[in-house]
Amino acid sequence: MLLLLQATTTHTVGGPSTAYLPVMVFFVFAVAFPVLPLILGRFLRPVKYGKDKMRPYECGIDPETGAHERFTVRYYIVAMLFLIFDVETIFLLPWAIIFMGRDFSFTKFALIEMFVFIGILIVGYYYAWRKGALEWA
């Protein structure tokens, strides 16, 4: 019986803190990775700034108006249309990947669902086109 108890003794490698050692190392690297280039860049970059460097825009074109100017509503409508069609693209990619799979019971439902989704988007696009939302001038 004594031999059986000696054979089942557990061996501890380290204390509880050694279990968190990989997490601590990862945390040190996660903090050092973005901070170290900022500190090195502060010491290695040139300190002198010229007149052209301190301008609001460095593209070579002088700004004609101030930065706090009102935009037309058409700008925001085009932005919303871009977001809608961007979401469509994000939705279409996983659908296309799943549709190419081997599960044929899902493909009929997914095909009908995608035709309904694209149909709704086409109706919205047609409405925006007829309202003149896509005309910039």
N, C-alpha and C. Protein backbone atom coordinates (compact mmCIF):
# COMPACT_ATOMS: atom_id res chain seq x y z
N MET A 1 0.82 -1.18 0.00
CA MET A 1 0.00 0.00 0.00
C MET A 1 0.88 1.26 0.00
N LEU A 2 1.96 1.20 0.73
CA LEU A 2 2.85 2.35 0.81
C LEU A 2 3.50 2.64 -0.53
N LEU A 3 3.82 1.60 -1.29
CA LEU A 3 4.39 1.80 -2.62
C LEU A 3 3.37 2.45 -3.56
N LEU A 4 2.12 2.11 -3.41
CA LEU A 4 1.09 2.69 -4.26
C LEU A 4 0.92 4.18 -3.97
N LEU A 5 1.01 4.57 -2.70
CA LEU A 5 0.90 5.98 -2.34
C LEU A 5 2.11 6.77 -2.83
N GLN A 6 3.28 6.17 -2.79
CA GLN A 6 4.47 6.86 -3.26
C GLN A 6 4.47 7.03 -4.77
N ALA A 7 3.85 6.14 -5.50
CA ALA A 7 3.81 6.22 -6.96
C ALA A 7 2.83 7.29 -7.44
N THR A 8 1.84 7.64 -6.63
CA THR A 8 0.83 8.60 -7.07
C THR A 8 1.08 10.01 -6.54
N THR A 9 2.25 10.28 -6.02
CA THR A 9 2.53 11.63 -5.54
C THR A 9 2.68 12.56 -6.73
N THR A 10 2.23 13.79 -6.57
CA THR A 10 2.32 14.76 -7.66
C THR A 10 3.58 15.58 -7.52
N HIS A 11 4.12 15.95 -8.64
CA HIS A 11 5.32 16.77 -8.68
C HIS A 11 4.91 18.16 -9.14
N THR A 12 5.25 19.15 -8.36
CA THR A 12 4.93 20.52 -8.74
C THR A 12 6.15 21.14 -9.42
N VAL A 13 5.92 21.80 -10.52
CA VAL A 13 6.99 22.43 -11.28
C VAL A 13 7.32 23.78 -10.68
N GLY A 14 6.31 24.53 -10.32
CA GLY A 14 6.51 25.85 -9.76
C GLY A 14 5.27 26.28 -9.01
N GLY A 15 5.33 27.49 -8.53
CA GLY A 15 4.19 28.02 -7.81
C GLY A 15 3.12 28.54 -8.76
N PRO A 16 2.10 29.15 -8.19
CA PRO A 16 1.02 29.68 -9.03
C PRO A 16 1.48 30.82 -9.92
N SER A 17 2.50 31.55 -9.54
CA SER A 17 2.95 32.67 -10.36
C SER A 17 3.61 32.21 -11.66
N THR A 18 4.17 31.03 -11.69
CA THR A 18 4.81 30.54 -12.92
C THR A 18 3.79 30.20 -13.99
N ALA A 19 2.55 29.95 -13.60
CA ALA A 19 1.52 29.67 -14.59
C ALA A 19 1.19 30.93 -15.38
N TYR A 20 1.39 32.10 -14.78
CA TYR A 20 1.09 33.36 -15.44
C TYR A 20 2.30 33.97 -16.13
N LEU A 21 3.42 33.28 -16.14
CA LEU A 21 4.63 33.80 -16.75
C LEU A 21 4.45 34.11 -18.25
N PRO A 22 3.84 33.24 -19.05
CA PRO A 22 3.63 33.59 -20.47
C PRO A 22 2.73 34.82 -20.65
N VAL A 23 1.74 34.98 -19.78
CA VAL A 23 0.87 36.13 -19.87
C VAL A 23 1.64 37.40 -19.54
N MET A 24 2.50 37.33 -18.54
CA MET A 24 3.30 38.50 -18.17
C MET A 24 4.27 38.88 -19.28
N VAL A 25 4.89 37.89 -19.89
CA VAL A 25 5.82 38.16 -20.99
C VAL A 25 5.06 38.79 -22.17
N PHE A 26 3.89 38.26 -22.47
CA PHE A 26 3.08 38.83 -23.54
C PHE A 26 2.68 40.26 -23.22
N PHE A 27 2.33 40.54 -21.98
CA PHE A 27 1.95 41.90 -21.57
C PHE A 27 3.13 42.86 -21.73
N VAL A 28 4.33 42.42 -21.36
CA VAL A 28 5.51 43.27 -21.51
C VAL A 28 5.76 43.59 -22.97
N PHE A 29 5.65 42.58 -23.84
CA PHE A 29 5.84 42.82 -25.27
C PHE A 29 4.72 43.70 -25.83
N ALA A 30 3.49 43.52 -25.36
CA ALA A 30 2.37 44.31 -25.86
C ALA A 30 2.52 45.78 -25.48
N VAL A 31 3.13 46.06 -24.35
CA VAL A 31 3.35 47.45 -23.95
C VAL A 31 4.59 48.01 -24.64
N ALA A 32 5.63 47.22 -24.75
CA ALA A 32 6.89 47.70 -25.32
C ALA A 32 6.81 47.90 -26.83
N PHE A 33 6.01 47.11 -27.52
CA PHE A 33 5.95 47.18 -28.98
C PHE A 33 5.49 48.55 -29.49
N PRO A 34 4.42 49.16 -28.97
CA PRO A 34 4.07 50.49 -29.46
C PRO A 34 4.84 51.62 -28.79
N VAL A 35 5.28 51.44 -27.54
CA VAL A 35 5.93 52.53 -26.81
C VAL A 35 7.37 52.72 -27.25
N LEU A 36 8.08 51.66 -27.51
CA LEU A 36 9.49 51.74 -27.88
C LEU A 36 9.71 52.53 -29.18
N PRO A 37 8.96 52.31 -30.26
CA PRO A 37 9.16 53.14 -31.46
C PRO A 37 8.85 54.63 -31.21
N LEU A 38 7.89 54.93 -30.37
CA LEU A 38 7.60 56.33 -30.06
C LEU A 38 8.76 56.99 -29.34
N ILE A 39 9.34 56.29 -28.39
CA ILE A 39 10.47 56.84 -27.65
C ILE A 39 11.69 56.97 -28.56
N LEU A 40 11.98 55.95 -29.36
CA LEU A 40 13.11 56.01 -30.28
C LEU A 40 12.91 57.10 -31.33
N GLY A 41 11.69 57.25 -31.83
CA GLY A 41 11.43 58.29 -32.81
C GLY A 41 11.60 59.69 -32.23
N ARG A 42 11.32 59.85 -30.98
CA ARG A 42 11.48 61.16 -30.32
C ARG A 42 12.94 61.57 -30.28
N PHE A 43 13.82 60.60 -30.09
CA PHE A 43 15.25 60.92 -30.00
C PHE A 43 15.94 60.95 -31.37
N LEU A 44 15.42 60.24 -32.37
CA LEU A 44 16.09 60.13 -33.66
C LEU A 44 15.61 61.12 -34.70
N ARG A 45 14.43 61.68 -34.55
CA ARG A 45 13.92 62.59 -35.58
C ARG A 45 14.55 63.98 -35.45
N PRO A 46 14.58 64.72 -36.56
CA PRO A 46 15.11 66.09 -36.49
C PRO A 46 14.14 66.99 -35.73
N VAL A 47 14.68 67.95 -35.00
CA VAL A 47 13.88 68.82 -34.15
C VAL A 47 13.42 70.06 -34.90
N LYS A 48 14.13 70.46 -35.93
CA LYS A 48 13.82 71.71 -36.61
C LYS A 48 12.63 71.55 -37.56
N TYR A 49 11.72 72.50 -37.48
CA TYR A 49 10.57 72.54 -38.36
C TYR A 49 10.64 73.82 -39.17
N GLY A 50 10.37 73.71 -40.46
CA GLY A 50 10.37 74.88 -41.32
C GLY A 50 8.97 75.47 -41.44
N LYS A 51 8.89 76.57 -42.19
CA LYS A 51 7.62 77.25 -42.39
C LYS A 51 6.64 76.34 -43.13
N ASP A 52 7.11 75.61 -44.12
CA ASP A 52 6.24 74.72 -44.88
C ASP A 52 5.76 73.54 -44.04
N LYS A 53 6.57 73.10 -43.12
CA LYS A 53 6.20 71.97 -42.28
C LYS A 53 5.09 72.33 -41.29
N MET A 54 5.03 73.58 -40.89
CA MET A 54 4.05 74.01 -39.90
C MET A 54 2.73 74.46 -40.53
N ARG A 55 2.58 74.37 -41.84
CA ARG A 55 1.33 74.73 -42.49
C ARG A 55 0.26 73.70 -42.20
N PRO A 56 -1.03 74.08 -42.31
CA PRO A 56 -2.09 73.11 -42.01
C PRO A 56 -2.13 71.92 -42.96
N TYR A 57 -1.77 72.15 -44.23
CA TYR A 57 -1.78 71.07 -45.21
C TYR A 57 -0.42 71.00 -45.86
N GLU A 58 0.08 69.79 -46.01
CA GLU A 58 1.40 69.62 -46.62
C GLU A 58 1.30 69.14 -48.06
N CYS A 59 0.14 69.23 -48.68
CA CYS A 59 0.00 68.69 -50.02
C CYS A 59 0.47 69.67 -51.09
N GLY A 60 0.84 70.89 -50.71
CA GLY A 60 1.33 71.85 -51.66
C GLY A 60 0.28 72.82 -52.15
N ILE A 61 -0.97 72.62 -51.76
CA ILE A 61 -2.05 73.51 -52.16
C ILE A 61 -2.44 74.35 -50.95
N ASP A 62 -2.50 75.66 -51.15
CA ASP A 62 -2.90 76.53 -50.05
C ASP A 62 -4.38 76.33 -49.76
N PRO A 63 -4.76 76.26 -48.48
CA PRO A 63 -6.18 76.13 -48.15
C PRO A 63 -6.95 77.40 -48.53
N GLU A 64 -8.09 77.23 -49.16
CA GLU A 64 -8.89 78.36 -49.62
C GLU A 64 -9.88 78.83 -48.57
N THR A 65 -10.41 77.91 -47.78
CA THR A 65 -11.40 78.27 -46.77
C THR A 65 -10.97 77.69 -45.43
N GLY A 66 -11.73 78.03 -44.40
CA GLY A 66 -11.44 77.50 -43.08
C GLY A 66 -11.86 76.05 -42.94
N ALA A 67 -11.44 75.45 -41.87
CA ALA A 67 -11.73 74.04 -41.65
C ALA A 67 -13.14 73.82 -41.12
N HIS A 68 -13.78 74.86 -40.58
CA HIS A 68 -15.10 74.71 -39.97
C HIS A 68 -16.19 75.21 -40.91
N GLU A 69 -16.21 74.68 -42.10
CA GLU A 69 -17.18 75.09 -43.11
C GLU A 69 -18.29 74.04 -43.17
N ARG A 70 -19.48 74.44 -43.52
CA ARG A 70 -20.60 73.51 -43.61
C ARG A 70 -20.54 72.74 -44.93
N PHE A 71 -20.89 71.48 -44.85
CA PHE A 71 -20.97 70.64 -46.03
C PHE A 71 -22.44 70.52 -46.45
N THR A 72 -22.67 70.25 -47.72
CA THR A 72 -24.04 70.06 -48.17
C THR A 72 -24.55 68.70 -47.71
N VAL A 73 -25.86 68.55 -47.75
CA VAL A 73 -26.48 67.31 -47.33
C VAL A 73 -26.12 66.18 -48.29
N ARG A 74 -25.86 66.50 -49.53
CA ARG A 74 -25.50 65.47 -50.51
C ARG A 74 -24.24 64.70 -50.11
N TYR A 75 -23.33 65.39 -49.47
CA TYR A 75 -22.11 64.73 -49.01
C TYR A 75 -22.45 63.61 -48.03
N TYR A 76 -23.34 63.87 -47.12
CA TYR A 76 -23.72 62.87 -46.12
C TYR A 76 -24.56 61.75 -46.74
N ILE A 77 -25.36 62.09 -47.74
CA ILE A 77 -26.15 61.05 -48.41
C ILE A 77 -25.23 60.09 -49.16
N VAL A 78 -24.23 60.63 -49.84
CA VAL A 78 -23.27 59.77 -50.53
C VAL A 78 -22.50 58.91 -49.52
N ALA A 79 -22.17 59.50 -48.38
CA ALA A 79 -21.48 58.72 -47.34
C ALA A 79 -22.35 57.59 -46.83
N MET A 80 -23.64 57.85 -46.63
CA MET A 80 -24.55 56.79 -46.17
C MET A 80 -24.71 55.70 -47.23
N LEU A 81 -24.79 56.11 -48.50
CA LEU A 81 -24.88 55.11 -49.56
C LEU A 81 -23.62 54.25 -49.62
N PHE A 82 -22.47 54.89 -49.41
CA PHE A 82 -21.23 54.12 -49.37
C PHE A 82 -21.26 53.10 -48.23
N LEU A 83 -21.72 53.51 -47.06
CA LEU A 83 -21.80 52.59 -45.93
C LEU A 83 -22.75 51.43 -46.22
N ILE A 84 -23.88 51.74 -46.85
CA ILE A 84 -24.84 50.68 -47.16
C ILE A 84 -24.22 49.65 -48.09
N PHE A 85 -23.56 50.11 -49.15
CA PHE A 85 -22.98 49.16 -50.09
C PHE A 85 -21.72 48.50 -49.53
N ASP A 86 -21.08 49.14 -48.59
CA ASP A 86 -19.95 48.51 -47.90
C ASP A 86 -20.44 47.37 -47.02
N VAL A 87 -21.55 47.58 -46.33
CA VAL A 87 -22.14 46.52 -45.51
C VAL A 87 -22.60 45.38 -46.40
N GLU A 88 -23.10 45.71 -47.58
CA GLU A 88 -23.50 44.66 -48.50
C GLU A 88 -22.31 43.78 -48.87
N THR A 89 -21.18 44.40 -49.13
CA THR A 89 -19.98 43.63 -49.47
C THR A 89 -19.54 42.75 -48.31
N ILE A 90 -19.61 43.30 -47.11
CA ILE A 90 -19.23 42.51 -45.93
C ILE A 90 -20.18 41.33 -45.75
N PHE A 91 -21.45 41.51 -46.10
CA PHE A 91 -22.43 40.43 -45.97
C PHE A 91 -22.29 39.41 -47.08
N LEU A 92 -21.90 39.85 -48.28
CA LEU A 92 -21.82 38.93 -49.42
C LEU A 92 -20.64 37.96 -49.33
N LEU A 93 -19.53 38.38 -48.76
CA LEU A 93 -18.35 37.50 -48.74
C LEU A 93 -18.57 36.24 -47.90
N PRO A 94 -19.03 36.34 -46.65
CA PRO A 94 -19.28 35.09 -45.91
C PRO A 94 -20.38 34.25 -46.55
N TRP A 95 -21.39 34.92 -47.11
CA TRP A 95 -22.45 34.19 -47.78
C TRP A 95 -21.88 33.38 -48.95
N ALA A 96 -21.01 33.99 -49.74
CA ALA A 96 -20.44 33.30 -50.89
C ALA A 96 -19.58 32.12 -50.45
N ILE A 97 -18.87 32.29 -49.35
CA ILE A 97 -18.03 31.19 -48.85
C ILE A 97 -18.89 30.04 -48.35
N ILE A 98 -19.96 30.37 -47.62
CA ILE A 98 -20.86 29.31 -47.13
C ILE A 98 -21.62 28.69 -48.30
N PHE A 99 -22.00 29.49 -49.27
CA PHE A 99 -22.75 28.98 -50.42
C PHE A 99 -21.93 27.98 -51.22
N MET A 100 -20.62 28.12 -51.24
CA MET A 100 -19.78 27.20 -51.99
C MET A 100 -19.57 25.89 -51.24
N GLY A 101 -20.12 25.75 -50.05
CA GLY A 101 -19.93 24.54 -49.25
C GLY A 101 -20.69 23.36 -49.81
N ARG A 102 -20.64 22.26 -49.10
CA ARG A 102 -21.22 21.01 -49.56
C ARG A 102 -22.65 20.77 -49.05
N ASP A 103 -23.14 21.63 -48.16
CA ASP A 103 -24.46 21.44 -47.58
C ASP A 103 -25.51 22.00 -48.54
N PHE A 104 -26.15 21.11 -49.33
CA PHE A 104 -27.09 21.58 -50.36
C PHE A 104 -28.43 22.00 -49.77
N SER A 105 -28.77 21.57 -48.57
CA SER A 105 -30.03 22.00 -47.97
C SER A 105 -29.96 23.48 -47.60
N PHE A 106 -28.77 23.96 -47.27
CA PHE A 106 -28.61 25.36 -46.92
C PHE A 106 -28.53 26.25 -48.15
N THR A 107 -28.04 25.73 -49.25
CA THR A 107 -27.78 26.57 -50.41
C THR A 107 -29.05 27.14 -51.02
N LYS A 108 -30.17 26.38 -51.02
CA LYS A 108 -31.42 26.91 -51.57
C LYS A 108 -31.92 28.07 -50.73
N PHE A 109 -31.89 27.92 -49.42
CA PHE A 109 -32.32 28.99 -48.53
C PHE A 109 -31.42 30.21 -48.67
N ALA A 110 -30.11 29.97 -48.73
CA ALA A 110 -29.16 31.08 -48.83
C ALA A 110 -29.30 31.81 -50.16
N LEU A 111 -29.59 31.09 -51.23
CA LEU A 111 -29.77 31.72 -52.53
C LEU A 111 -31.00 32.63 -52.53
N ILE A 112 -32.10 32.14 -51.99
CA ILE A 112 -33.32 32.95 -51.91
C ILE A 112 -33.10 34.15 -51.00
N GLU A 113 -32.45 33.93 -49.87
CA GLU A 113 -32.17 35.02 -48.93
C GLU A 113 -31.30 36.10 -49.59
N MET A 114 -30.31 35.69 -50.36
CA MET A 114 -29.43 36.67 -50.98
C MET A 114 -30.14 37.43 -52.10
N PHE A 115 -31.03 36.76 -52.85
CA PHE A 115 -31.80 37.48 -53.86
C PHE A 115 -32.72 38.52 -53.23
N VAL A 116 -33.32 38.20 -52.09
CA VAL A 116 -34.15 39.18 -51.39
C VAL A 116 -33.29 40.34 -50.90
N PHE A 117 -32.13 40.05 -50.34
CA PHE A 117 -31.23 41.10 -49.83
C PHE A 117 -30.77 42.01 -50.97
N ILE A 118 -30.33 41.44 -52.07
CA ILE A 118 -29.86 42.24 -53.21
C ILE A 118 -31.03 43.01 -53.83
N GLY A 119 -32.22 42.42 -53.84
CA GLY A 119 -33.39 43.12 -54.35
C GLY A 119 -33.72 44.36 -53.54
N ILE A 120 -33.65 44.26 -52.21
CA ILE A 120 -33.88 45.42 -51.35
C ILE A 120 -32.83 46.49 -51.61
N LEU A 121 -31.59 46.09 -51.79
CA LEU A 121 -30.54 47.07 -52.07
C LEU A 121 -30.73 47.72 -53.44
N ILE A 122 -31.17 46.98 -54.41
CA ILE A 122 -31.41 47.57 -55.73
C ILE A 122 -32.55 48.57 -55.68
N VAL A 123 -33.60 48.26 -54.91
CA VAL A 123 -34.70 49.21 -54.75
C VAL A 123 -34.20 50.48 -54.07
N GLY A 124 -33.37 50.35 -53.05
CA GLY A 124 -32.80 51.52 -52.38
C GLY A 124 -31.88 52.32 -53.29
N TYR A 125 -31.09 51.64 -54.09
CA TYR A 125 -30.21 52.31 -55.03
C TYR A 125 -31.02 53.06 -56.09
N TYR A 126 -32.07 52.43 -56.59
CA TYR A 126 -32.93 53.07 -57.58
C TYR A 126 -33.61 54.31 -56.99
N TYR A 127 -34.07 54.20 -55.74
CA TYR A 127 -34.71 55.34 -55.07
C TYR A 127 -33.71 56.50 -54.93
N ALA A 128 -32.49 56.20 -54.50
CA ALA A 128 -31.48 57.25 -54.35
C ALA A 128 -31.12 57.85 -55.70
N TRP A 129 -31.08 57.04 -56.73
CA TRP A 129 -30.76 57.53 -58.07
C TRP A 129 -31.86 58.46 -58.59
N ARG A 130 -33.13 58.07 -58.39
CA ARG A 130 -34.25 58.89 -58.85
C ARG A 130 -34.37 60.19 -58.07
N LYS A 131 -33.97 60.18 -56.80
CA LYS A 131 -34.00 61.40 -55.98
C LYS A 131 -32.84 62.33 -56.29
N GLY A 132 -31.87 61.87 -57.05
CA GLY A 132 -30.72 62.70 -57.41
C GLY A 132 -29.64 62.71 -56.36
N ALA A 133 -29.61 61.71 -55.50
CA ALA A 133 -28.60 61.67 -54.44
C ALA A 133 -27.22 61.38 -54.99
N LEU A 134 -27.15 60.79 -56.17
CA LEU A 134 -25.85 60.45 -56.74
C LEU A 134 -25.30 61.54 -57.64
N GLU A 135 -26.06 62.59 -57.86
CA GLU A 135 -25.59 63.72 -58.65
C GLU A 135 -24.81 64.66 -57.74
N TRP A 136 -23.55 64.85 -58.01
CA TRP A 136 -22.70 65.64 -57.11
C TRP A 136 -22.82 67.13 -57.35
N ALA A 137 -22.98 67.54 -58.57
CA ALA A 137 -22.98 68.98 -58.89
C ALA A 137 -24.31 69.63 -58.63
